[in-house]
Protein backbone atom coordinates (compact mmCIF):
# COMPACT_ATOMS: atom_id res chain seq x y z
CA MET A 1 126.47 77.46 89.29
CA PHE A 2 122.80 78.06 90.07
CA LEU A 3 121.23 76.70 86.88
CA GLU A 4 120.93 73.10 88.07
CA PRO A 5 119.59 73.84 91.58
CA VAL A 6 117.02 76.25 90.15
CA VAL A 7 115.77 73.74 87.58
CA LEU A 8 115.85 70.83 90.04
CA SER A 9 114.09 72.84 92.72
CA LEU A 10 111.37 74.03 90.34
CA VAL A 11 110.73 70.46 89.17
CA THR A 12 110.72 69.17 92.76
CA ALA A 13 108.39 71.93 93.90
CA LYS A 14 106.02 71.22 91.04
CA LEU A 15 105.96 67.50 91.84
CA ARG A 16 105.21 68.35 95.47
CA GLY A 17 102.26 70.50 94.44
CA GLY A 18 104.00 73.84 94.70
CA ARG A 19 102.64 76.83 92.83
CA LEU A 20 105.08 78.86 90.78
CA ARG A 21 102.56 81.69 90.87
CA ASN A 22 103.40 82.10 94.56
CA LEU A 23 106.77 83.54 93.52
CA GLU A 24 104.90 86.68 92.46
CA ASN A 25 104.13 87.34 96.13
CA VAL A 26 107.66 86.87 97.43
CA TYR A 27 109.05 89.98 99.10
CA ILE A 28 112.69 90.25 100.07
CA GLU A 29 113.51 93.10 102.43
CA GLY A 30 116.36 95.14 100.96
CA TRP A 31 116.26 93.23 97.65
CA TYR A 32 117.81 96.21 95.91
CA LEU A 33 121.07 95.58 97.80
CA PHE A 34 121.48 92.33 95.85
CA LEU A 35 120.86 94.30 92.66
CA ILE A 36 123.40 97.00 93.53
CA SER A 37 126.00 94.37 94.42
CA GLY A 38 125.45 92.54 91.14
CA LEU A 39 125.62 95.75 89.13
CA ILE A 40 128.90 96.79 90.75
CA GLN A 41 130.53 93.45 89.97
CA GLY A 42 128.98 93.44 86.51
CA PHE A 43 130.28 96.90 85.62
CA LEU A 44 133.75 95.95 86.85
CA ALA A 45 133.72 92.82 84.69
CA ILE A 46 132.62 94.81 81.64
CA GLY A 47 135.22 97.46 82.42
CA LYS A 48 137.92 94.79 82.49
CA LYS A 49 136.69 93.33 79.22
CA PHE A 50 136.99 96.68 77.44
CA ASP A 51 140.10 97.77 79.34
CA ALA A 52 138.42 100.89 80.72
CA SER A 53 140.74 103.20 82.65
CA TRP A 54 138.32 103.60 85.58
CA ALA A 55 138.00 99.81 85.85
CA ASN A 56 141.76 99.36 85.83
CA VAL A 57 142.10 101.83 88.70
CA LEU A 58 139.47 100.02 90.77
CA LEU A 59 140.79 96.56 89.90
CA ASN A 60 144.41 97.41 90.60
CA GLN A 61 144.18 99.77 93.57
CA TYR A 62 140.84 99.33 95.31
CA PHE A 63 139.65 95.91 94.22
CA ILE A 64 139.48 94.24 97.63
CA TYR A 65 137.49 97.15 99.06
CA VAL A 66 135.00 97.10 96.20
CA ILE A 67 134.54 93.33 96.37
CA VAL A 68 134.11 93.37 100.15
CA LEU A 69 131.56 96.19 99.75
CA THR A 70 129.50 94.05 97.36
CA TYR A 71 129.55 91.14 99.80
CA VAL A 72 128.63 93.37 102.73
CA LEU A 73 125.63 94.69 100.77
CA MET A 74 124.45 91.14 100.13
CA LEU A 75 125.00 90.17 103.76
CA ILE A 76 122.94 93.13 104.94
CA ALA A 77 120.07 92.08 102.68
CA ILE A 78 120.30 88.51 103.95
CA ILE A 79 120.36 89.61 107.60
CA LEU A 80 117.22 91.69 107.00
CA ASN A 81 115.48 88.46 105.96
CA LEU A 82 117.17 85.98 108.26
CA GLU A 83 113.86 84.65 109.54
CA LYS A 84 113.54 82.79 106.23
CA LYS A 85 115.16 79.36 106.34
CA TYR A 86 116.87 79.67 102.98
CA MET A 87 118.45 82.97 104.00
CA LYS A 88 120.32 81.18 106.79
CA LEU A 89 121.89 78.86 104.21
CA LEU A 90 122.75 81.79 101.96
CA PHE A 91 124.29 83.61 104.93
CA ILE A 92 126.57 80.68 105.79
CA GLY A 93 127.64 80.26 102.17
CA LEU A 94 128.35 83.93 101.66
CA VAL A 95 130.34 84.24 104.89
CA LEU A 96 132.47 81.17 104.05
CA ASN A 97 133.24 82.57 100.60
CA LEU A 98 133.94 86.01 102.04
CA ILE A 99 136.46 84.61 104.53
CA VAL A 100 138.60 83.05 101.81
CA ILE A 101 138.18 86.02 99.48
CA ILE A 102 139.26 88.60 102.08
CA SER A 103 142.20 86.39 103.03
CA ASN A 104 143.41 86.29 99.42
CA GLN A 105 143.35 89.95 98.36
CA GLY A 106 139.73 89.90 97.26
CA LYS A 107 140.08 86.88 94.97
CA MET A 108 138.55 83.42 95.13
CA PRO A 109 141.35 80.83 94.70
CA VAL A 110 140.61 78.05 92.22
CA SER A 111 142.31 74.66 92.03
CA LEU A 112 144.27 74.23 88.80
CA ASP A 113 143.83 70.48 89.20
CA GLY A 114 140.12 71.14 89.08
CA PHE A 115 140.43 73.05 85.82
CA GLU A 116 142.46 70.20 84.37
CA GLY A 117 139.72 67.78 85.37
CA ILE A 118 137.10 69.90 83.65
CA ARG A 119 139.22 70.38 80.56
CA ASP A 120 139.89 66.67 80.02
CA GLY A 121 143.35 66.63 81.56
CA ILE A 122 144.85 69.39 79.42
CA ARG A 123 147.79 70.85 81.31
CA LEU A 124 147.59 74.52 82.13
CA ASP A 125 150.24 77.04 83.01
CA ALA A 126 150.72 78.24 86.57
CA GLN A 127 147.93 80.77 86.10
CA LEU A 128 144.26 80.44 85.29
CA PRO A 129 143.28 80.88 81.65
CA ASP A 130 142.50 84.50 80.88
CA ARG A 131 138.76 85.06 80.95
CA LYS A 132 137.97 88.59 79.94
CA PHE A 133 134.97 89.04 82.20
CA ASP A 134 136.46 87.26 85.24
CA ILE A 135 137.49 89.65 87.99
CA LYS A 136 137.26 87.40 91.05
CA HIS A 137 139.37 84.29 90.58
CA VAL A 138 143.04 83.41 91.03
CA SER A 139 144.85 80.08 90.95
CA VAL A 140 145.59 78.21 94.17
CA ASP A 141 149.29 78.28 95.07
CA LYS A 142 151.53 77.77 98.09
CA ASN A 143 150.58 81.20 99.47
CA THR A 144 146.84 80.62 99.32
CA LYS A 145 145.10 80.99 102.67
CA PHE A 146 142.09 78.93 103.75
CA VAL A 147 142.52 76.57 100.80
CA TYR A 148 139.80 74.28 102.17
CA LEU A 149 137.30 77.12 101.63
CA ALA A 150 138.44 77.80 98.06
CA ASP A 151 137.07 76.41 94.81
CA ILE A 152 138.56 72.95 95.14
CA ILE A 153 135.53 70.62 94.92
CA LEU A 154 135.50 69.21 91.41
CA ILE A 155 132.35 67.93 89.74
CA PRO A 156 133.90 66.50 86.56
CA LYS A 157 132.64 64.93 83.37
CA PRO A 158 130.60 62.91 82.52
CA TYR A 159 128.44 65.36 84.47
CA PRO A 160 127.08 67.53 81.62
CA LEU A 161 127.92 70.83 83.32
CA PRO A 162 131.28 70.21 85.04
CA LYS A 163 132.34 72.81 87.56
CA ILE A 164 134.51 73.60 90.57
CA LEU A 165 132.80 74.61 93.80
CA SER A 166 133.72 75.80 97.25
CA ILE A 167 132.10 74.71 100.51
CA GLY A 168 130.43 78.13 100.55
CA ASP A 169 129.03 77.52 97.06
CA ILE A 170 127.38 74.32 98.28
CA PHE A 171 125.54 76.25 101.00
CA LEU A 172 124.52 78.86 98.42
CA ILE A 173 123.18 76.15 96.13
CA LEU A 174 121.23 74.61 99.02
CA GLY A 175 119.87 78.05 99.85
CA VAL A 176 118.66 78.60 96.28
CA PHE A 177 117.06 75.14 96.28
CA ARG A 178 115.38 75.83 99.61
CA PHE A 179 114.15 79.23 98.36
CA PHE A 180 111.94 77.67 95.69
CA GLN A 181 110.70 74.95 98.03
CA GLU A 182 109.82 77.40 100.77
CA GLU A 183 108.27 80.09 98.62
CA THR A 184 106.22 77.84 96.31
CA ILE A 185 105.10 75.08 98.68
CA GLU A 186 104.88 76.70 102.11
CA HIS A 187 103.05 79.71 100.68
CA LYS A 188 100.60 77.27 99.15
CA LYS A 189 100.02 75.69 102.58
CA LYS A 190 99.43 79.12 104.12
CA TYR A 191 96.97 79.98 101.36
CA MET A 192 95.04 76.72 101.82
CA SER A 193 94.88 77.13 105.59
CA GLN A 194 93.61 80.68 105.26
CA ASN A 195 90.82 79.54 102.95
CA THR A 196 89.80 76.63 105.12
CA TYR A 197 87.86 78.86 107.44
């Protein structure tokens, strides 16, 4: 999901005179909370892949609590850095995704019509295709809550990397794009102003 905005933002920043070297000086308060959140979700995905007993217990009995915990950790890290413009976008995106996830037992609903669009119109069953590392998605159905916040926005072929996004994902993508613009270009401006005197 973030590959295109990262590449596009880096190219844009470079064209605008941004310095990628400035990224070495970026400091995110509580950055380790993002790392912990990612590791928790990663270990759960690996545990599902290898059918680990501990993963099955967490996935079947405590999944929503674990997922909410990972989102709360990320939100705390974002709030600690909310003075940064891109963090505001990330905050909105994360909260929108969290609303729909909490409302649907810890899962992000995905439009089956969207999957059909990505897979060239191939009909699917009433459930999403089994992806061994996927722990967070479930198909949209009549019981889905906050459908308009789910993964229902299809970016189909001929786009080379077709995908399904949520409104929250769009804010997250904008936040990632803004991150590279802010940290490579605005830091450059600060550096130049400091060396003017």
